[in-house]
């Protein structure tokens, strides 16, 4: 996750006011580990291709795992807010348990399970080398599906609390 900024706070307030939603808090997400990936993956979300994401469970505090109903402000490679999603499904399991439907919903590469496993192995192995932890296909992954709620013209679902 990424830190909140004045820009993400403004995006959040705009959503709450214009959509008439009463919610307390939000998280911030930037995809990948570099500005180019963040921009490309945010663009997939905006295009409607990407409606899921995966991250290592170890990257969250024990009491901070995402939950259905959570709101997330997505920022692009320059840290600019581009949309807000609401989490609608969470599954935590070994990386190798990803299914074809989730790989498709994540919207990356050719959207196949095989391509998803290849790409995520490379990404998570690089993270393991940087951070000094052991990696294997049984590592716990947070499989998260979401729906866009803001801006309204991109929304997958009407604003609701």
N, C-alpha and C. Protein backbone atom coordinates (compact mmCIF):
# COMPACT_ATOMS: atom_id res chain seq x y z
N UNK A 1 0.83 -1.18 0.00
CA UNK A 1 0.00 0.00 0.00
C UNK A 1 0.88 1.25 0.00
N UNK A 2 0.27 2.34 -0.36
CA UNK A 2 0.95 3.62 -0.50
C UNK A 2 0.39 4.59 0.51
N UNK A 3 1.16 5.62 0.84
CA UNK A 3 0.72 6.62 1.81
C UNK A 3 -0.36 7.53 1.23
N UNK A 4 -1.22 8.02 2.11
CA UNK A 4 -2.21 9.02 1.74
C UNK A 4 -1.51 10.35 1.51
N UNK A 5 -2.08 11.15 0.61
CA UNK A 5 -1.54 12.47 0.29
C UNK A 5 -2.70 13.46 0.27
N UNK A 6 -2.36 14.74 0.10
CA UNK A 6 -3.41 15.76 -0.05
C UNK A 6 -4.27 15.44 -1.27
N UNK A 7 -3.65 14.94 -2.34
CA UNK A 7 -4.39 14.62 -3.56
C UNK A 7 -5.34 13.44 -3.34
N UNK A 8 -4.90 12.41 -2.62
CA UNK A 8 -5.80 11.27 -2.38
C UNK A 8 -6.92 11.67 -1.43
N UNK A 9 -6.60 12.51 -0.44
CA UNK A 9 -7.64 13.01 0.46
C UNK A 9 -8.70 13.81 -0.32
N UNK A 10 -8.25 14.65 -1.26
CA UNK A 10 -9.19 15.45 -2.05
C UNK A 10 -10.06 14.55 -2.92
N UNK A 11 -9.48 13.52 -3.52
CA UNK A 11 -10.24 12.57 -4.34
C UNK A 11 -11.29 11.88 -3.47
N UNK A 12 -10.89 11.44 -2.29
CA UNK A 12 -11.79 10.76 -1.36
C UNK A 12 -12.95 11.66 -0.96
N UNK A 13 -12.65 12.90 -0.57
CA UNK A 13 -13.70 13.84 -0.18
C UNK A 13 -14.66 14.11 -1.34
N UNK A 14 -14.11 14.24 -2.55
CA UNK A 14 -14.94 14.47 -3.73
C UNK A 14 -15.91 13.30 -3.93
N UNK A 15 -15.41 12.08 -3.80
CA UNK A 15 -16.26 10.90 -3.92
C UNK A 15 -17.36 10.92 -2.87
N UNK A 16 -16.99 11.13 -1.61
CA UNK A 16 -17.98 11.12 -0.54
C UNK A 16 -19.07 12.15 -0.77
N UNK A 17 -18.68 13.37 -1.15
CA UNK A 17 -19.64 14.46 -1.34
C UNK A 17 -20.52 14.23 -2.56
N UNK A 18 -19.94 13.89 -3.68
CA UNK A 18 -20.70 13.77 -4.92
C UNK A 18 -21.53 12.50 -4.99
N UNK A 19 -21.03 11.42 -4.40
CA UNK A 19 -21.76 10.15 -4.45
C UNK A 19 -22.72 9.98 -3.28
N UNK A 20 -22.61 10.88 -2.29
CA UNK A 20 -23.49 10.78 -1.14
C UNK A 20 -23.20 9.58 -0.27
N UNK A 21 -21.95 9.17 -0.23
CA UNK A 21 -21.55 8.01 0.55
C UNK A 21 -21.04 8.45 1.91
N UNK A 22 -21.40 7.70 2.93
CA UNK A 22 -20.88 7.95 4.28
C UNK A 22 -19.95 6.80 4.62
N UNK A 23 -18.66 7.06 4.53
CA UNK A 23 -17.65 6.04 4.84
C UNK A 23 -16.54 6.72 5.62
N UNK A 24 -15.85 5.92 6.43
CA UNK A 24 -14.86 6.49 7.33
C UNK A 24 -13.46 6.59 6.78
N UNK A 25 -13.02 5.59 6.04
CA UNK A 25 -11.61 5.56 5.71
C UNK A 25 -11.37 4.88 4.37
N UNK A 26 -10.14 5.05 3.89
CA UNK A 26 -9.73 4.45 2.64
C UNK A 26 -8.24 4.12 2.72
N UNK A 27 -7.82 3.22 1.84
CA UNK A 27 -6.40 2.91 1.67
C UNK A 27 -5.98 3.48 0.32
N UNK A 28 -4.69 3.48 0.06
CA UNK A 28 -4.15 3.95 -1.22
C UNK A 28 -3.34 2.82 -1.83
N UNK A 29 -3.50 2.62 -3.14
CA UNK A 29 -2.79 1.55 -3.85
C UNK A 29 -2.09 2.11 -5.06
N UNK A 30 -0.85 1.72 -5.21
CA UNK A 30 -0.08 1.93 -6.43
C UNK A 30 0.39 0.56 -6.85
N UNK A 31 0.14 0.16 -8.07
CA UNK A 31 0.49 -1.18 -8.54
C UNK A 31 1.98 -1.29 -8.85
N UNK A 32 2.51 -2.51 -8.71
CA UNK A 32 3.89 -2.78 -9.09
C UNK A 32 4.88 -2.16 -8.13
N UNK A 33 6.12 -2.08 -8.61
CA UNK A 33 7.19 -1.53 -7.77
C UNK A 33 7.95 -0.41 -8.46
N UNK A 34 7.32 0.17 -9.50
CA UNK A 34 7.96 1.29 -10.21
C UNK A 34 6.88 2.12 -10.91
N UNK A 35 7.19 3.37 -11.23
CA UNK A 35 6.18 4.25 -11.83
C UNK A 35 5.60 3.74 -13.16
N UNK A 36 6.42 3.11 -13.98
CA UNK A 36 5.93 2.61 -15.27
C UNK A 36 4.86 1.55 -15.07
N UNK A 37 5.15 0.56 -14.21
CA UNK A 37 4.16 -0.48 -13.93
C UNK A 37 2.91 0.10 -13.29
N UNK A 38 3.09 1.04 -12.37
CA UNK A 38 1.94 1.67 -11.71
C UNK A 38 1.03 2.33 -12.74
N UNK A 39 1.62 3.03 -13.70
CA UNK A 39 0.84 3.71 -14.74
C UNK A 39 0.13 2.70 -15.64
N UNK A 40 0.86 1.67 -16.08
CA UNK A 40 0.28 0.68 -16.98
C UNK A 40 -0.86 -0.09 -16.33
N UNK A 41 -0.67 -0.48 -15.08
CA UNK A 41 -1.71 -1.27 -14.41
C UNK A 41 -2.91 -0.41 -14.03
N UNK A 42 -2.67 0.84 -13.65
CA UNK A 42 -3.79 1.75 -13.38
C UNK A 42 -4.60 1.96 -14.66
N UNK A 43 -3.92 2.04 -15.80
CA UNK A 43 -4.61 2.19 -17.08
C UNK A 43 -5.50 0.98 -17.38
N UNK A 44 -5.05 -0.22 -17.00
CA UNK A 44 -5.88 -1.42 -17.19
C UNK A 44 -7.14 -1.35 -16.32
N UNK A 45 -7.00 -0.80 -15.12
CA UNK A 45 -8.17 -0.63 -14.25
C UNK A 45 -9.15 0.35 -14.91
N UNK A 46 -8.63 1.48 -15.37
CA UNK A 46 -9.49 2.49 -15.98
C UNK A 46 -10.16 1.98 -17.25
N UNK A 47 -9.49 1.09 -17.98
CA UNK A 47 -10.06 0.53 -19.21
C UNK A 47 -11.10 -0.55 -18.93
N UNK A 48 -11.19 -0.99 -17.67
CA UNK A 48 -12.15 -2.04 -17.32
C UNK A 48 -11.59 -3.44 -17.46
N UNK A 49 -10.32 -3.57 -17.81
CA UNK A 49 -9.69 -4.87 -18.00
C UNK A 49 -9.30 -5.51 -16.68
N UNK A 50 -8.82 -4.73 -15.76
CA UNK A 50 -8.30 -5.23 -14.48
C UNK A 50 -9.33 -5.00 -13.39
N UNK A 51 -9.81 -6.10 -12.79
CA UNK A 51 -10.76 -6.01 -11.69
C UNK A 51 -10.34 -6.90 -10.52
N UNK A 52 -9.04 -7.21 -10.48
CA UNK A 52 -8.51 -8.02 -9.39
C UNK A 52 -7.03 -7.68 -9.23
N UNK A 53 -6.50 -7.99 -8.05
CA UNK A 53 -5.08 -7.79 -7.79
C UNK A 53 -4.63 -8.82 -6.77
N UNK A 54 -3.34 -9.09 -6.77
CA UNK A 54 -2.78 -10.07 -5.84
C UNK A 54 -1.56 -9.47 -5.18
N UNK A 55 -1.42 -9.74 -3.90
CA UNK A 55 -0.25 -9.28 -3.15
C UNK A 55 0.08 -10.33 -2.10
N UNK A 56 1.30 -10.25 -1.59
CA UNK A 56 1.70 -11.22 -0.58
C UNK A 56 1.07 -10.87 0.76
N UNK A 57 0.53 -11.88 1.43
CA UNK A 57 -0.08 -11.66 2.74
C UNK A 57 0.95 -11.09 3.72
N UNK A 58 2.21 -11.43 3.57
CA UNK A 58 3.26 -10.97 4.47
C UNK A 58 3.44 -9.44 4.41
N UNK A 59 2.92 -8.81 3.36
CA UNK A 59 3.08 -7.36 3.21
C UNK A 59 2.08 -6.56 4.04
N UNK A 60 1.17 -7.24 4.70
CA UNK A 60 0.15 -6.58 5.51
C UNK A 60 0.39 -6.89 6.98
N UNK A 61 0.07 -5.93 7.87
CA UNK A 61 0.08 -6.28 9.29
C UNK A 61 -1.06 -7.28 9.55
N UNK A 62 -0.92 -8.10 10.58
CA UNK A 62 -1.90 -9.15 10.86
C UNK A 62 -3.33 -8.60 10.95
N UNK A 63 -3.48 -7.40 11.48
CA UNK A 63 -4.82 -6.82 11.62
C UNK A 63 -5.16 -5.87 10.48
N UNK A 64 -4.36 -5.87 9.42
CA UNK A 64 -4.57 -4.91 8.33
C UNK A 64 -4.84 -5.53 6.98
N UNK A 65 -5.24 -6.80 6.95
CA UNK A 65 -5.57 -7.42 5.67
C UNK A 65 -6.81 -6.75 5.08
N UNK A 66 -6.86 -6.65 3.76
CA UNK A 66 -8.07 -6.06 3.15
C UNK A 66 -9.29 -6.92 3.43
N UNK A 67 -10.45 -6.25 3.44
CA UNK A 67 -11.72 -6.92 3.71
C UNK A 67 -12.76 -6.46 2.69
N UNK A 68 -13.73 -7.29 2.39
CA UNK A 68 -14.82 -6.83 1.54
C UNK A 68 -15.44 -5.57 2.13
N UNK A 69 -15.72 -4.62 1.28
CA UNK A 69 -16.27 -3.34 1.71
C UNK A 69 -15.24 -2.25 1.83
N UNK A 70 -13.95 -2.60 1.86
CA UNK A 70 -12.89 -1.58 1.94
C UNK A 70 -12.88 -0.72 0.68
N UNK A 71 -12.51 0.53 0.87
CA UNK A 71 -12.33 1.47 -0.24
C UNK A 71 -10.84 1.68 -0.47
N UNK A 72 -10.46 1.80 -1.75
CA UNK A 72 -9.05 2.01 -2.11
C UNK A 72 -8.98 3.07 -3.19
N UNK A 73 -8.17 4.10 -2.96
CA UNK A 73 -7.87 5.10 -3.98
C UNK A 73 -6.66 4.60 -4.75
N UNK A 74 -6.80 4.45 -6.06
CA UNK A 74 -5.71 3.99 -6.92
C UNK A 74 -4.97 5.20 -7.45
N UNK A 75 -3.64 5.17 -7.34
CA UNK A 75 -2.82 6.24 -7.90
C UNK A 75 -2.00 5.71 -9.05
N UNK A 76 -1.71 6.59 -10.01
CA UNK A 76 -0.92 6.20 -11.17
C UNK A 76 0.57 6.30 -10.86
N UNK A 77 1.40 6.21 -11.88
CA UNK A 77 2.85 6.23 -11.70
C UNK A 77 3.40 7.53 -11.19
N UNK A 78 2.62 8.60 -11.30
CA UNK A 78 3.03 9.91 -10.78
C UNK A 78 2.39 10.21 -9.43
N UNK A 79 1.69 9.22 -8.87
CA UNK A 79 1.04 9.41 -7.58
C UNK A 79 -0.28 10.15 -7.64
N UNK A 80 -0.82 10.34 -8.84
CA UNK A 80 -2.10 11.04 -9.00
C UNK A 80 -3.25 10.06 -8.86
N UNK A 81 -4.26 10.42 -8.06
CA UNK A 81 -5.43 9.54 -7.93
C UNK A 81 -6.14 9.42 -9.28
N UNK A 82 -6.55 8.20 -9.62
CA UNK A 82 -7.25 8.02 -10.89
C UNK A 82 -8.61 7.35 -10.72
N UNK A 83 -8.82 6.65 -9.62
CA UNK A 83 -10.13 6.04 -9.38
C UNK A 83 -10.18 5.52 -7.95
N UNK A 84 -11.38 5.09 -7.57
CA UNK A 84 -11.59 4.46 -6.26
C UNK A 84 -12.29 3.13 -6.50
N UNK A 85 -11.77 2.09 -5.85
CA UNK A 85 -12.45 0.80 -5.92
C UNK A 85 -12.97 0.44 -4.55
N UNK A 86 -13.93 -0.49 -4.57
CA UNK A 86 -14.43 -1.09 -3.33
C UNK A 86 -14.20 -2.59 -3.44
N UNK A 87 -13.51 -3.12 -2.46
CA UNK A 87 -13.20 -4.55 -2.45
C UNK A 87 -14.49 -5.34 -2.27
N UNK A 88 -14.69 -6.36 -3.10
CA UNK A 88 -15.89 -7.17 -2.92
C UNK A 88 -15.57 -8.63 -2.63
N UNK A 89 -14.32 -9.05 -2.80
CA UNK A 89 -13.98 -10.44 -2.48
C UNK A 89 -12.52 -10.54 -2.10
N UNK A 90 -12.25 -11.29 -1.05
CA UNK A 90 -10.88 -11.57 -0.60
C UNK A 90 -10.76 -13.07 -0.40
N UNK A 91 -9.67 -13.61 -0.90
CA UNK A 91 -9.33 -15.00 -0.60
C UNK A 91 -7.83 -15.02 -0.33
N UNK A 92 -7.43 -15.67 0.73
CA UNK A 92 -6.01 -15.81 1.05
C UNK A 92 -5.67 -17.28 0.89
N UNK A 93 -4.63 -17.54 0.10
CA UNK A 93 -4.23 -18.91 -0.14
C UNK A 93 -2.87 -18.99 -0.77
N UNK A 94 -2.36 -20.19 -0.93
CA UNK A 94 -1.07 -20.37 -1.58
C UNK A 94 -1.10 -19.83 -3.01
N UNK A 95 0.00 -19.26 -3.45
CA UNK A 95 0.07 -18.68 -4.79
C UNK A 95 -0.38 -19.67 -5.86
N UNK A 96 0.04 -20.93 -5.73
CA UNK A 96 -0.26 -21.92 -6.77
C UNK A 96 -1.74 -22.24 -6.88
N UNK A 97 -2.58 -21.75 -5.95
CA UNK A 97 -4.02 -22.05 -6.02
C UNK A 97 -4.79 -21.04 -6.86
N UNK A 98 -4.09 -20.10 -7.48
CA UNK A 98 -4.78 -19.15 -8.36
C UNK A 98 -5.53 -19.95 -9.43
N UNK A 99 -6.74 -19.49 -9.75
CA UNK A 99 -7.49 -20.19 -10.80
C UNK A 99 -7.55 -19.32 -12.06
N UNK A 100 -8.03 -19.93 -13.13
CA UNK A 100 -8.07 -19.25 -14.42
C UNK A 100 -8.97 -18.00 -14.38
N UNK A 101 -10.05 -18.07 -13.64
CA UNK A 101 -10.96 -16.93 -13.56
C UNK A 101 -10.29 -15.73 -12.89
N UNK A 102 -9.53 -15.98 -11.82
CA UNK A 102 -8.83 -14.87 -11.17
C UNK A 102 -7.77 -14.29 -12.09
N UNK A 103 -7.00 -15.15 -12.74
CA UNK A 103 -5.97 -14.66 -13.67
C UNK A 103 -6.60 -13.79 -14.74
N UNK A 104 -7.76 -14.19 -15.25
CA UNK A 104 -8.46 -13.40 -16.25
C UNK A 104 -8.87 -12.04 -15.67
N UNK A 105 -9.45 -12.07 -14.47
CA UNK A 105 -9.92 -10.83 -13.85
C UNK A 105 -8.77 -9.88 -13.52
N UNK A 106 -7.58 -10.42 -13.26
CA UNK A 106 -6.45 -9.52 -12.97
C UNK A 106 -6.03 -8.76 -14.21
N UNK A 107 -6.32 -9.28 -15.39
CA UNK A 107 -6.21 -8.51 -16.62
C UNK A 107 -4.82 -8.26 -17.16
N UNK A 108 -3.83 -8.99 -16.69
CA UNK A 108 -2.45 -8.75 -17.13
C UNK A 108 -1.99 -9.83 -18.11
N UNK A 109 -1.00 -9.49 -18.93
CA UNK A 109 -0.45 -10.46 -19.88
C UNK A 109 -1.52 -11.00 -20.80
N UNK A 110 -1.46 -12.32 -21.06
CA UNK A 110 -2.49 -12.92 -21.92
C UNK A 110 -3.70 -13.38 -21.12
N UNK A 111 -3.70 -13.09 -19.82
CA UNK A 111 -4.80 -13.34 -18.90
C UNK A 111 -5.01 -14.82 -18.59
N UNK A 112 -4.04 -15.66 -18.93
CA UNK A 112 -4.15 -17.08 -18.62
C UNK A 112 -3.55 -17.37 -17.25
N UNK A 113 -3.92 -18.49 -16.67
CA UNK A 113 -3.36 -18.91 -15.38
C UNK A 113 -1.86 -19.12 -15.50
N UNK A 114 -1.42 -19.74 -16.58
CA UNK A 114 0.00 -20.01 -16.77
C UNK A 114 0.80 -18.71 -16.84
N UNK A 115 0.30 -17.73 -17.58
CA UNK A 115 0.99 -16.45 -17.68
C UNK A 115 0.97 -15.72 -16.34
N UNK A 116 -0.16 -15.82 -15.63
CA UNK A 116 -0.25 -15.21 -14.30
C UNK A 116 0.81 -15.80 -13.38
N UNK A 117 0.92 -17.12 -13.33
CA UNK A 117 1.91 -17.76 -12.47
C UNK A 117 3.33 -17.35 -12.86
N UNK A 118 3.62 -17.34 -14.14
CA UNK A 118 4.96 -16.95 -14.59
C UNK A 118 5.29 -15.51 -14.16
N UNK A 119 4.40 -14.59 -14.45
CA UNK A 119 4.64 -13.19 -14.11
C UNK A 119 4.72 -12.93 -12.62
N UNK A 120 3.86 -13.57 -11.86
CA UNK A 120 3.86 -13.36 -10.41
C UNK A 120 5.03 -14.06 -9.72
N UNK A 121 5.45 -15.19 -10.26
CA UNK A 121 6.67 -15.82 -9.73
C UNK A 121 7.85 -14.86 -9.88
N UNK A 122 8.00 -14.30 -11.07
CA UNK A 122 9.11 -13.37 -11.30
C UNK A 122 9.03 -12.16 -10.37
N UNK A 123 7.84 -11.59 -10.27
CA UNK A 123 7.66 -10.39 -9.44
C UNK A 123 7.93 -10.69 -7.96
N UNK A 124 7.32 -11.76 -7.44
CA UNK A 124 7.48 -12.09 -6.02
C UNK A 124 8.89 -12.59 -5.71
N UNK A 125 9.54 -13.29 -6.65
CA UNK A 125 10.93 -13.71 -6.44
C UNK A 125 11.84 -12.50 -6.34
N UNK A 126 11.62 -11.50 -7.18
CA UNK A 126 12.43 -10.28 -7.10
C UNK A 126 12.20 -9.59 -5.76
N UNK A 127 10.96 -9.54 -5.29
CA UNK A 127 10.67 -8.96 -3.99
C UNK A 127 11.37 -9.74 -2.89
N UNK A 128 11.36 -11.06 -2.98
CA UNK A 128 12.01 -11.90 -1.97
C UNK A 128 13.52 -11.64 -1.93
N UNK A 129 14.13 -11.47 -3.09
CA UNK A 129 15.57 -11.16 -3.12
C UNK A 129 15.85 -9.81 -2.48
N UNK A 130 15.03 -8.81 -2.80
CA UNK A 130 15.22 -7.46 -2.24
C UNK A 130 15.05 -7.45 -0.73
N UNK A 131 14.03 -8.18 -0.25
CA UNK A 131 13.65 -8.10 1.16
C UNK A 131 14.20 -9.25 2.00
N UNK A 132 14.83 -10.23 1.37
CA UNK A 132 15.48 -11.30 2.10
C UNK A 132 14.56 -12.32 2.75
N UNK A 133 13.51 -12.73 2.06
CA UNK A 133 12.66 -13.79 2.60
C UNK A 133 12.61 -14.95 1.62
N UNK A 134 12.20 -16.10 2.10
CA UNK A 134 12.11 -17.30 1.26
C UNK A 134 10.85 -17.24 0.40
N UNK A 135 10.98 -17.71 -0.82
CA UNK A 135 9.86 -17.73 -1.74
C UNK A 135 9.67 -19.13 -2.29
N UNK A 136 8.42 -19.56 -2.38
CA UNK A 136 8.05 -20.76 -3.13
C UNK A 136 6.59 -20.60 -3.55
N UNK A 137 6.11 -21.50 -4.38
CA UNK A 137 4.74 -21.39 -4.91
C UNK A 137 3.65 -21.55 -3.85
N UNK A 138 4.04 -21.94 -2.63
CA UNK A 138 3.07 -22.06 -1.55
C UNK A 138 2.94 -20.80 -0.71
N UNK A 139 3.65 -19.74 -1.08
CA UNK A 139 3.60 -18.50 -0.29
C UNK A 139 2.17 -17.97 -0.26
N UNK A 140 1.78 -17.42 0.88
CA UNK A 140 0.41 -16.93 1.06
C UNK A 140 0.19 -15.64 0.27
N UNK A 141 -0.85 -15.65 -0.54
CA UNK A 141 -1.20 -14.53 -1.40
C UNK A 141 -2.61 -14.06 -1.05
N UNK A 142 -2.79 -12.75 -1.08
CA UNK A 142 -4.12 -12.15 -0.93
C UNK A 142 -4.67 -11.95 -2.34
N UNK A 143 -5.70 -12.69 -2.68
CA UNK A 143 -6.38 -12.57 -3.97
C UNK A 143 -7.58 -11.64 -3.74
N UNK A 144 -7.56 -10.48 -4.36
CA UNK A 144 -8.56 -9.44 -4.11
C UNK A 144 -9.28 -9.07 -5.39
N UNK A 145 -10.59 -9.12 -5.34
CA UNK A 145 -11.42 -8.64 -6.46
C UNK A 145 -12.08 -7.35 -6.02
N UNK A 146 -12.26 -6.45 -6.98
CA UNK A 146 -12.82 -5.14 -6.66
C UNK A 146 -13.73 -4.64 -7.77
N UNK A 147 -14.52 -3.63 -7.40
CA UNK A 147 -15.39 -2.94 -8.35
C UNK A 147 -15.09 -1.44 -8.27
N UNK A 148 -15.05 -0.79 -9.40
CA UNK A 148 -14.81 0.65 -9.43
C UNK A 148 -16.09 1.36 -8.97
N UNK A 149 -15.92 2.32 -8.06
CA UNK A 149 -17.07 3.12 -7.60
C UNK A 149 -16.92 4.59 -7.95
N UNK A 150 -15.70 5.01 -8.33
CA UNK A 150 -15.47 6.43 -8.66
C UNK A 150 -14.31 6.56 -9.60
N UNK A 151 -14.34 7.39 -10.62
CA UNK A 151 -15.41 8.33 -10.93
C UNK A 151 -16.66 7.63 -11.45
N UNK A 152 -17.76 8.34 -11.30
CA UNK A 152 -19.08 7.74 -11.56
C UNK A 152 -19.18 7.16 -12.97
N UNK A 153 -18.58 7.79 -13.98
CA UNK A 153 -18.72 7.30 -15.35
C UNK A 153 -17.97 5.97 -15.56
N UNK A 154 -17.10 5.59 -14.65
CA UNK A 154 -16.39 4.31 -14.75
C UNK A 154 -16.94 3.26 -13.80
N UNK A 155 -17.88 3.64 -12.96
CA UNK A 155 -18.33 2.79 -11.86
C UNK A 155 -18.94 1.48 -12.36
N UNK A 156 -18.51 0.40 -11.69
CA UNK A 156 -19.06 -0.93 -11.94
C UNK A 156 -20.34 -1.13 -11.14
N UNK A 157 -20.53 -0.31 -10.13
CA UNK A 157 -21.71 -0.42 -9.28
C UNK A 157 -22.09 0.99 -8.83
N UNK A 158 -23.36 1.20 -8.56
CA UNK A 158 -23.78 2.52 -8.07
C UNK A 158 -23.19 2.79 -6.69
N UNK A 159 -23.01 4.06 -6.38
CA UNK A 159 -22.51 4.44 -5.07
C UNK A 159 -23.49 3.95 -4.01
N UNK A 160 -22.94 3.31 -3.01
CA UNK A 160 -23.75 2.82 -1.90
C UNK A 160 -22.85 2.68 -0.70
N UNK A 161 -23.40 2.77 0.44
CA UNK A 161 -22.61 2.64 1.66
C UNK A 161 -22.77 1.27 2.23
